[in-house]
Amino acid sequence: LLMVPGGSGVGEPFDAVAERLAAER
């Protein structure tokens, strides 16, 4: 799953969703 940040170029807004998805099996 590729998540691309907008104009800020900062990926931290994706941290919460990335953690939840990584926990799924």
mmCIF file of all heavy atoms, coordinates in Angstrom:
data_MODEL
# 
_entry.id   MODEL 
# 
loop_
_atom_site.group_PDB 
_atom_site.id 
_atom_site.type_symbol 
_atom_site.label_atom_id 
_atom_site.label_alt_id 
_atom_site.label_comp_id 
_atom_site.label_asym_id 
_atom_site.label_entity_id 
_atom_site.label_seq_id 
_atom_site.pdbx_PDB_ins_code 
_atom_site.Cartn_x 
_atom_site.Cartn_y 
_atom_site.Cartn_z 
_atom_site.occupancy 
_atom_site.B_iso_or_equiv 
_atom_site.pdbx_formal_charge 
_atom_site.auth_seq_id 
_atom_site.auth_comp_id 
_atom_site.auth_asym_id 
_atom_site.auth_atom_id 
_atom_site.pdbx_PDB_model_num 
ATOM 1   N N   . LEU A 1 1  ? 0.865  -1.168  0.000  1.00 0.00 ? 1  LEU A N   1 
ATOM 2   C CA  . LEU A 1 1  ? 0.000  0.000   0.000  1.00 0.00 ? 1  LEU A CA  1 
ATOM 3   C C   . LEU A 1 1  ? 0.903  1.220   0.000  1.00 0.00 ? 1  LEU A C   1 
ATOM 4   O O   . LEU A 1 1  ? 1.694  1.413   0.928  1.00 0.00 ? 1  LEU A O   1 
ATOM 5   C CB  . LEU A 1 1  ? -0.905 0.021   1.233  1.00 0.00 ? 1  LEU A CB  1 
ATOM 6   C CG  . LEU A 1 1  ? -1.743 1.289   1.418  1.00 0.00 ? 1  LEU A CG  1 
ATOM 7   C CD1 . LEU A 1 1  ? -2.725 1.461   0.259  1.00 0.00 ? 1  LEU A CD1 1 
ATOM 8   C CD2 . LEU A 1 1  ? -2.476 1.246   2.738  1.00 0.00 ? 1  LEU A CD2 1 
ATOM 9   N N   . LEU A 1 2  ? 0.812  2.022   -1.014 1.00 0.00 ? 2  LEU A N   1 
ATOM 10  C CA  . LEU A 1 2  ? 1.629  3.222   -1.142 1.00 0.00 ? 2  LEU A CA  1 
ATOM 11  C C   . LEU A 1 2  ? 0.793  4.418   -0.705 1.00 0.00 ? 2  LEU A C   1 
ATOM 12  O O   . LEU A 1 2  ? -0.268 4.666   -1.268 1.00 0.00 ? 2  LEU A O   1 
ATOM 13  C CB  . LEU A 1 2  ? 2.093  3.398   -2.584 1.00 0.00 ? 2  LEU A CB  1 
ATOM 14  C CG  . LEU A 1 2  ? 2.907  4.643   -2.903 1.00 0.00 ? 2  LEU A CG  1 
ATOM 15  C CD1 . LEU A 1 2  ? 4.239  4.603   -2.149 1.00 0.00 ? 2  LEU A CD1 1 
ATOM 16  C CD2 . LEU A 1 2  ? 3.140  4.737   -4.399 1.00 0.00 ? 2  LEU A CD2 1 
ATOM 17  N N   . MET A 1 3  ? 1.273  5.145   0.306  1.00 0.00 ? 3  MET A N   1 
ATOM 18  C CA  . MET A 1 3  ? 0.585  6.349   0.776  1.00 0.00 ? 3  MET A CA  1 
ATOM 19  C C   . MET A 1 3  ? 1.500  7.535   0.496  1.00 0.00 ? 3  MET A C   1 
ATOM 20  O O   . MET A 1 3  ? 2.633  7.576   0.975  1.00 0.00 ? 3  MET A O   1 
ATOM 21  C CB  . MET A 1 3  ? 0.263  6.227   2.262  1.00 0.00 ? 3  MET A CB  1 
ATOM 22  C CG  . MET A 1 3  ? -0.734 5.128   2.553  1.00 0.00 ? 3  MET A CG  1 
ATOM 23  S SD  . MET A 1 3  ? -1.324 5.078   4.252  1.00 0.00 ? 3  MET A SD  1 
ATOM 24  C CE  . MET A 1 3  ? 0.065  4.347   5.098  1.00 0.00 ? 3  MET A CE  1 
ATOM 25  N N   . VAL A 1 4  ? 1.022  8.484   -0.290 1.00 0.00 ? 4  VAL A N   1 
ATOM 26  C CA  . VAL A 1 4  ? 1.829  9.617   -0.733 1.00 0.00 ? 4  VAL A CA  1 
ATOM 27  C C   . VAL A 1 4  ? 1.305  10.891  -0.078 1.00 0.00 ? 4  VAL A C   1 
ATOM 28  O O   . VAL A 1 4  ? 0.139  11.239  -0.256 1.00 0.00 ? 4  VAL A O   1 
ATOM 29  C CB  . VAL A 1 4  ? 1.780  9.752   -2.271 1.00 0.00 ? 4  VAL A CB  1 
ATOM 30  C CG1 . VAL A 1 4  ? 2.619  10.926  -2.736 1.00 0.00 ? 4  VAL A CG1 1 
ATOM 31  C CG2 . VAL A 1 4  ? 2.229  8.459   -2.930 1.00 0.00 ? 4  VAL A CG2 1 
ATOM 32  N N   . PRO A 1 5  ? 2.162  11.599  0.676  1.00 0.00 ? 5  PRO A N   1 
ATOM 33  C CA  . PRO A 1 5  ? 1.718  12.837  1.311  1.00 0.00 ? 5  PRO A CA  1 
ATOM 34  C C   . PRO A 1 5  ? 1.503  13.946  0.282  1.00 0.00 ? 5  PRO A C   1 
ATOM 35  O O   . PRO A 1 5  ? 2.066  13.903  -0.814 1.00 0.00 ? 5  PRO A O   1 
ATOM 36  C CB  . PRO A 1 5  ? 2.844  13.183  2.271  1.00 0.00 ? 5  PRO A CB  1 
ATOM 37  C CG  . PRO A 1 5  ? 4.045  12.528  1.690  1.00 0.00 ? 5  PRO A CG  1 
ATOM 38  C CD  . PRO A 1 5  ? 3.555  11.289  0.987  1.00 0.00 ? 5  PRO A CD  1 
ATOM 39  N N   . GLY A 1 6  ? 0.722  14.913  0.672  1.00 0.00 ? 6  GLY A N   1 
ATOM 40  C CA  . GLY A 1 6  ? 0.455  16.061  -0.196 1.00 0.00 ? 6  GLY A CA  1 
ATOM 41  C C   . GLY A 1 6  ? 1.611  17.046  -0.225 1.00 0.00 ? 6  GLY A C   1 
ATOM 42  O O   . GLY A 1 6  ? 2.768  16.667  -0.068 1.00 0.00 ? 6  GLY A O   1 
ATOM 43  N N   . GLY A 1 7  ? 1.302  18.301  -0.376 1.00 0.00 ? 7  GLY A N   1 
ATOM 44  C CA  . GLY A 1 7  ? 2.280  19.352  -0.569 1.00 0.00 ? 7  GLY A CA  1 
ATOM 45  C C   . GLY A 1 7  ? 3.319  19.492  0.525  1.00 0.00 ? 7  GLY A C   1 
ATOM 46  O O   . GLY A 1 7  ? 4.419  19.963  0.281  1.00 0.00 ? 7  GLY A O   1 
ATOM 47  N N   . SER A 1 8  ? 2.987  19.067  1.755  1.00 0.00 ? 8  SER A N   1 
ATOM 48  C CA  . SER A 1 8  ? 3.946  19.230  2.849  1.00 0.00 ? 8  SER A CA  1 
ATOM 49  C C   . SER A 1 8  ? 5.105  18.250  2.734  1.00 0.00 ? 8  SER A C   1 
ATOM 50  O O   . SER A 1 8  ? 6.189  18.503  3.244  1.00 0.00 ? 8  SER A O   1 
ATOM 51  C CB  . SER A 1 8  ? 3.257  19.042  4.197  1.00 0.00 ? 8  SER A CB  1 
ATOM 52  O OG  . SER A 1 8  ? 2.887  17.679  4.369  1.00 0.00 ? 8  SER A OG  1 
ATOM 53  N N   . GLY A 1 9  ? 4.875  17.096  2.109  1.00 0.00 ? 9  GLY A N   1 
ATOM 54  C CA  . GLY A 1 9  ? 5.905  16.078  1.994  1.00 0.00 ? 9  GLY A CA  1 
ATOM 55  C C   . GLY A 1 9  ? 6.200  15.354  3.289  1.00 0.00 ? 9  GLY A C   1 
ATOM 56  O O   . GLY A 1 9  ? 7.129  14.578  3.378  1.00 0.00 ? 9  GLY A O   1 
ATOM 57  N N   . VAL A 1 10 ? 5.393  15.577  4.321  1.00 0.00 ? 10 VAL A N   1 
ATOM 58  C CA  . VAL A 1 10 ? 5.597  14.964  5.630  1.00 0.00 ? 10 VAL A CA  1 
ATOM 59  C C   . VAL A 1 10 ? 4.674  13.760  5.759  1.00 0.00 ? 10 VAL A C   1 
ATOM 60  O O   . VAL A 1 10 ? 3.472  13.862  5.518  1.00 0.00 ? 10 VAL A O   1 
ATOM 61  C CB  . VAL A 1 10 ? 5.309  15.987  6.751  1.00 0.00 ? 10 VAL A CB  1 
ATOM 62  C CG1 . VAL A 1 10 ? 5.465  15.357  8.111  1.00 0.00 ? 10 VAL A CG1 1 
ATOM 63  C CG2 . VAL A 1 10 ? 6.232  17.185  6.613  1.00 0.00 ? 10 VAL A CG2 1 
ATOM 64  N N   . GLY A 1 11 ? 5.224  12.608  6.142  1.00 0.00 ? 11 GLY A N   1 
ATOM 65  C CA  . GLY A 1 11 ? 4.435  11.392  6.215  1.00 0.00 ? 11 GLY A CA  1 
ATOM 66  C C   . GLY A 1 11 ? 3.785  11.099  7.551  1.00 0.00 ? 11 GLY A C   1 
ATOM 67  O O   . GLY A 1 11 ? 3.013  10.149  7.666  1.00 0.00 ? 11 GLY A O   1 
ATOM 68  N N   . GLU A 1 12 ? 4.067  11.896  8.578  1.00 0.00 ? 12 GLU A N   1 
ATOM 69  C CA  . GLU A 1 12 ? 3.533  11.608  9.913  1.00 0.00 ? 12 GLU A CA  1 
ATOM 70  C C   . GLU A 1 12 ? 2.005  11.492  9.977  1.00 0.00 ? 12 GLU A C   1 
ATOM 71  O O   . GLU A 1 12 ? 1.503  10.724  10.784 1.00 0.00 ? 12 GLU A O   1 
ATOM 72  C CB  . GLU A 1 12 ? 4.013  12.629  10.943 1.00 0.00 ? 12 GLU A CB  1 
ATOM 73  C CG  . GLU A 1 12 ? 5.431  12.402  11.414 1.00 0.00 ? 12 GLU A CG  1 
ATOM 74  C CD  . GLU A 1 12 ? 6.461  13.018  10.479 1.00 0.00 ? 12 GLU A CD  1 
ATOM 75  O OE1 . GLU A 1 12 ? 6.098  13.863  9.629  1.00 0.00 ? 12 GLU A OE1 1 
ATOM 76  O OE2 . GLU A 1 12 ? 7.644  12.634  10.577 1.00 0.00 ? 12 GLU A OE2 1 
ATOM 77  N N   . PRO A 1 13 ? 1.240  12.221  9.164  1.00 0.00 ? 13 PRO A N   1 
ATOM 78  C CA  . PRO A 1 13 ? -0.212 12.051  9.237  1.00 0.00 ? 13 PRO A CA  1 
ATOM 79  C C   . PRO A 1 13 ? -0.673 10.622  8.934  1.00 0.00 ? 13 PRO A C   1 
ATOM 80  O O   . PRO A 1 13 ? -1.775 10.240  9.308  1.00 0.00 ? 13 PRO A O   1 
ATOM 81  C CB  . PRO A 1 13 ? -0.745 13.029  8.178  1.00 0.00 ? 13 PRO A CB  1 
ATOM 82  C CG  . PRO A 1 13 ? 0.301  14.082  8.089  1.00 0.00 ? 13 PRO A CG  1 
ATOM 83  C CD  . PRO A 1 13 ? 1.605  13.347  8.286  1.00 0.00 ? 13 PRO A CD  1 
ATOM 84  N N   . PHE A 1 14 ? 0.165  9.822   8.291  1.00 0.00 ? 14 PHE A N   1 
ATOM 85  C CA  . PHE A 1 14 ? -0.189 8.446   7.960  1.00 0.00 ? 14 PHE A CA  1 
ATOM 86  C C   . PHE A 1 14 ? 0.170  7.459   9.069  1.00 0.00 ? 14 PHE A C   1 
ATOM 87  O O   . PHE A 1 14 ? -0.174 6.276   8.978  1.00 0.00 ? 14 PHE A O   1 
ATOM 88  C CB  . PHE A 1 14 ? 0.510  8.000   6.674  1.00 0.00 ? 14 PHE A CB  1 
ATOM 89  C CG  . PHE A 1 14 ? 0.110  8.779   5.462  1.00 0.00 ? 14 PHE A CG  1 
ATOM 90  C CD1 . PHE A 1 14 ? 1.068  9.402   4.688  1.00 0.00 ? 14 PHE A CD1 1 
ATOM 91  C CD2 . PHE A 1 14 ? -1.217 8.880   5.076  1.00 0.00 ? 14 PHE A CD2 1 
ATOM 92  C CE1 . PHE A 1 14 ? 0.712  10.109  3.551  1.00 0.00 ? 14 PHE A CE1 1 
ATOM 93  C CE2 . PHE A 1 14 ? -1.582 9.588   3.940  1.00 0.00 ? 14 PHE A CE2 1 
ATOM 94  C CZ  . PHE A 1 14 ? -0.608 10.201  3.175  1.00 0.00 ? 14 PHE A CZ  1 
ATOM 95  N N   . ASP A 1 15 ? 0.870  7.882   10.105 1.00 0.00 ? 15 ASP A N   1 
ATOM 96  C CA  . ASP A 1 15 ? 1.356  6.961   11.133 1.00 0.00 ? 15 ASP A CA  1 
ATOM 97  C C   . ASP A 1 15 ? 0.251  6.135   11.777 1.00 0.00 ? 15 ASP A C   1 
ATOM 98  O O   . ASP A 1 15 ? 0.377  4.914   11.913 1.00 0.00 ? 15 ASP A O   1 
ATOM 99  C CB  . ASP A 1 15 ? 2.145  7.705   12.215 1.00 0.00 ? 15 ASP A CB  1 
ATOM 100 C CG  . ASP A 1 15 ? 3.541  8.092   11.769 1.00 0.00 ? 15 ASP A CG  1 
ATOM 101 O OD1 . ASP A 1 15 ? 4.018  7.569   10.733 1.00 0.00 ? 15 ASP A OD1 1 
ATOM 102 O OD2 . ASP A 1 15 ? 4.164  8.913   12.457 1.00 0.00 ? 15 ASP A OD2 1 
ATOM 103 N N   . ALA A 1 16 ? -0.838 6.764   12.175 1.00 0.00 ? 16 ALA A N   1 
ATOM 104 C CA  . ALA A 1 16 ? -1.910 6.041   12.884 1.00 0.00 ? 16 ALA A CA  1 
ATOM 105 C C   . ALA A 1 16 ? -2.544 4.977   12.004 1.00 0.00 ? 16 ALA A C   1 
ATOM 106 O O   . ALA A 1 16 ? -2.726 3.831   12.425 1.00 0.00 ? 16 ALA A O   1 
ATOM 107 C CB  . ALA A 1 16 ? -2.960 7.017   13.394 1.00 0.00 ? 16 ALA A CB  1 
ATOM 108 N N   . VAL A 1 17 ? -2.866 5.321   10.771 1.00 0.00 ? 17 VAL A N   1 
ATOM 109 C CA  . VAL A 1 17 ? -3.497 4.343   9.884  1.00 0.00 ? 17 VAL A CA  1 
ATOM 110 C C   . VAL A 1 17 ? -2.501 3.247   9.502  1.00 0.00 ? 17 VAL A C   1 
ATOM 111 O O   . VAL A 1 17 ? -2.859 2.080   9.396  1.00 0.00 ? 17 VAL A O   1 
ATOM 112 C CB  . VAL A 1 17 ? -4.132 5.007   8.639  1.00 0.00 ? 17 VAL A CB  1 
ATOM 113 C CG1 . VAL A 1 17 ? -3.100 5.535   7.685  1.00 0.00 ? 17 VAL A CG1 1 
ATOM 114 C CG2 . VAL A 1 17 ? -5.067 4.046   7.935  1.00 0.00 ? 17 VAL A CG2 1 
ATOM 115 N N   . ALA A 1 18 ? -1.236 3.588   9.319  1.00 0.00 ? 18 ALA A N   1 
ATOM 116 C CA  . ALA A 1 18 ? -0.222 2.581   8.989  1.00 0.00 ? 18 ALA A CA  1 
ATOM 117 C C   . ALA A 1 18 ? -0.076 1.572   10.122 1.00 0.00 ? 18 ALA A C   1 
ATOM 118 O O   . ALA A 1 18 ? 0.046  0.371   9.881  1.00 0.00 ? 18 ALA A O   1 
ATOM 119 C CB  . ALA A 1 18 ? 1.112  3.252   8.690  1.00 0.00 ? 18 ALA A CB  1 
ATOM 120 N N   . GLU A 1 19 ? -0.088 2.034   11.358 1.00 0.00 ? 19 GLU A N   1 
ATOM 121 C CA  . GLU A 1 19 ? 0.004  1.125   12.508 1.00 0.00 ? 19 GLU A CA  1 
ATOM 122 C C   . GLU A 1 19 ? -1.204 0.191   12.581 1.00 0.00 ? 19 GLU A C   1 
ATOM 123 O O   . GLU A 1 19 ? -1.063 -0.989  12.829 1.00 0.00 ? 19 GLU A O   1 
ATOM 124 C CB  . GLU A 1 19 ? 0.133  1.912   13.814 1.00 0.00 ? 19 GLU A CB  1 
ATOM 125 C CG  . GLU A 1 19 ? 1.522  2.437   14.055 1.00 0.00 ? 19 GLU A CG  1 
ATOM 126 C CD  . GLU A 1 19 ? 2.556  1.315   14.151 1.00 0.00 ? 19 GLU A CD  1 
ATOM 127 O OE1 . GLU A 1 19 ? 2.298  0.292   14.818 1.00 0.00 ? 19 GLU A OE1 1 
ATOM 128 O OE2 . GLU A 1 19 ? 3.612  1.461   13.522 1.00 0.00 ? 19 GLU A OE2 1 
ATOM 129 N N   . ARG A 1 20 ? -2.391 0.724   12.362 1.00 0.00 ? 20 ARG A N   1 
ATOM 130 C CA  . ARG A 1 20 ? -3.608 -0.109  12.404 1.00 0.00 ? 20 ARG A CA  1 
ATOM 131 C C   . ARG A 1 20 ? -3.601 -1.155  11.302 1.00 0.00 ? 20 ARG A C   1 
ATOM 132 O O   . ARG A 1 20 ? -3.941 -2.309  11.524 1.00 0.00 ? 20 ARG A O   1 
ATOM 133 C CB  . ARG A 1 20 ? -4.860 0.742   12.297 1.00 0.00 ? 20 ARG A CB  1 
ATOM 134 C CG  . ARG A 1 20 ? -5.155 1.448   13.604 1.00 0.00 ? 20 ARG A CG  1 
ATOM 135 C CD  . ARG A 1 20 ? -6.522 1.997   13.645 1.00 0.00 ? 20 ARG A CD  1 
ATOM 136 N NE  . ARG A 1 20 ? -7.506 0.918   13.780 1.00 0.00 ? 20 ARG A NE  1 
ATOM 137 C CZ  . ARG A 1 20 ? -8.776 1.131   14.039 1.00 0.00 ? 20 ARG A CZ  1 
ATOM 138 N NH1 . ARG A 1 20 ? -9.208 2.360   14.196 1.00 0.00 ? 20 ARG A NH1 1 
ATOM 139 N NH2 . ARG A 1 20 ? -9.609 0.133   14.147 1.00 0.00 ? 20 ARG A NH2 1 
ATOM 140 N N   . LEU A 1 21 ? -3.196 -0.759  10.108 1.00 0.00 ? 21 LEU A N   1 
ATOM 141 C CA  . LEU A 1 21 ? -3.158 -1.716  9.003  1.00 0.00 ? 21 LEU A CA  1 
ATOM 142 C C   . LEU A 1 21 ? -2.077 -2.769  9.219  1.00 0.00 ? 21 LEU A C   1 
ATOM 143 O O   . LEU A 1 21 ? -2.276 -3.939  8.914  1.00 0.00 ? 21 LEU A O   1 
ATOM 144 C CB  . LEU A 1 21 ? -2.926 -0.988  7.678  1.00 0.00 ? 21 LEU A CB  1 
ATOM 145 C CG  . LEU A 1 21 ? -4.083 -0.129  7.199  1.00 0.00 ? 21 LEU A CG  1 
ATOM 146 C CD1 . LEU A 1 21 ? -3.656 0.707   5.995  1.00 0.00 ? 21 LEU A CD1 1 
ATOM 147 C CD2 . LEU A 1 21 ? -5.291 -0.982  6.858  1.00 0.00 ? 21 LEU A CD2 1 
ATOM 148 N N   . ALA A 1 22 ? -0.930 -2.374  9.759  1.00 0.00 ? 22 ALA A N   1 
ATOM 149 C CA  . ALA A 1 22 ? 0.156  -3.325  10.009 1.00 0.00 ? 22 ALA A CA  1 
ATOM 150 C C   . ALA A 1 22 ? -0.239 -4.352  11.054 1.00 0.00 ? 22 ALA A C   1 
ATOM 151 O O   . ALA A 1 22 ? 0.233  -5.488  11.025 1.00 0.00 ? 22 ALA A O   1 
ATOM 152 C CB  . ALA A 1 22 ? 1.407  -2.583  10.438 1.00 0.00 ? 22 ALA A CB  1 
ATOM 153 N N   . ALA A 1 23 ? -1.131 -3.977  11.968 1.00 0.00 ? 23 ALA A N   1 
ATOM 154 C CA  . ALA A 1 23 ? -1.562 -4.897  13.018 1.00 0.00 ? 23 ALA A CA  1 
ATOM 155 C C   . ALA A 1 23 ? -2.550 -5.939  12.510 1.00 0.00 ? 23 ALA A C   1 
ATOM 156 O O   . ALA A 1 23 ? -2.734 -6.981  13.138 1.00 0.00 ? 23 ALA A O   1 
ATOM 157 C CB  . ALA A 1 23 ? -2.194 -4.104  14.167 1.00 0.00 ? 23 ALA A CB  1 
ATOM 158 N N   . GLU A 1 24 ? -3.195 -5.689  11.363 1.00 0.00 ? 24 GLU A N   1 
ATOM 159 C CA  . GLU A 1 24 ? -4.151 -6.631  10.799 1.00 0.00 ? 24 GLU A CA  1 
ATOM 160 C C   . GLU A 1 24 ? -3.403 -7.820  10.195 1.00 0.00 ? 24 GLU A C   1 
ATOM 161 O O   . GLU A 1 24 ? -2.330 -7.666  9.655  1.00 0.00 ? 24 GLU A O   1 
ATOM 162 C CB  . GLU A 1 24 ? -4.987 -5.960  9.700  1.00 0.00 ? 24 GLU A CB  1 
ATOM 163 C CG  . GLU A 1 24 ? -5.914 -4.899  10.222 1.00 0.00 ? 24 GLU A CG  1 
ATOM 164 C CD  . GLU A 1 24 ? -7.008 -5.470  11.110 1.00 0.00 ? 24 GLU A CD  1 
ATOM 165 O OE1 . GLU A 1 24 ? -7.548 -6.530  10.801 1.00 0.00 ? 24 GLU A OE1 1 
ATOM 166 O OE2 . GLU A 1 24 ? -7.288 -4.826  12.129 1.00 0.00 ? 24 GLU A OE2 1 
ATOM 167 N N   . ARG A 1 25 ? -3.987 -8.964  10.295 1.00 0.00 ? 25 ARG A N   1 
ATOM 168 C CA  . ARG A 1 25 ? -3.360 -10.166 9.731  1.00 0.00 ? 25 ARG A CA  1 
ATOM 169 C C   . ARG A 1 25 ? -4.308 -10.819 8.766  1.00 0.00 ? 25 ARG A C   1 
ATOM 170 O O   . ARG A 1 25 ? -5.389 -11.030 8.887  1.00 0.00 ? 25 ARG A O   1 
ATOM 171 C CB  . ARG A 1 25 ? -2.994 -11.163 10.823 1.00 0.00 ? 25 ARG A CB  1 
ATOM 172 C CG  . ARG A 1 25 ? -2.041 -10.535 11.810 1.00 0.00 ? 25 ARG A CG  1 
ATOM 173 C CD  . ARG A 1 25 ? -0.728 -11.177 11.727 1.00 0.00 ? 25 ARG A CD  1 
ATOM 174 N NE  . ARG A 1 25 ? 0.171  -10.440 12.611 1.00 0.00 ? 25 ARG A NE  1 
ATOM 175 C CZ  . ARG A 1 25 ? 1.429  -10.419 12.424 1.00 0.00 ? 25 ARG A CZ  1 
ATOM 176 N NH1 . ARG A 1 25 ? 1.958  -11.033 11.430 1.00 0.00 ? 25 ARG A NH1 1 
ATOM 177 N NH2 . ARG A 1 25 ? 2.216  -9.763  13.230 1.00 0.00 ? 25 ARG A NH2 1 
# 
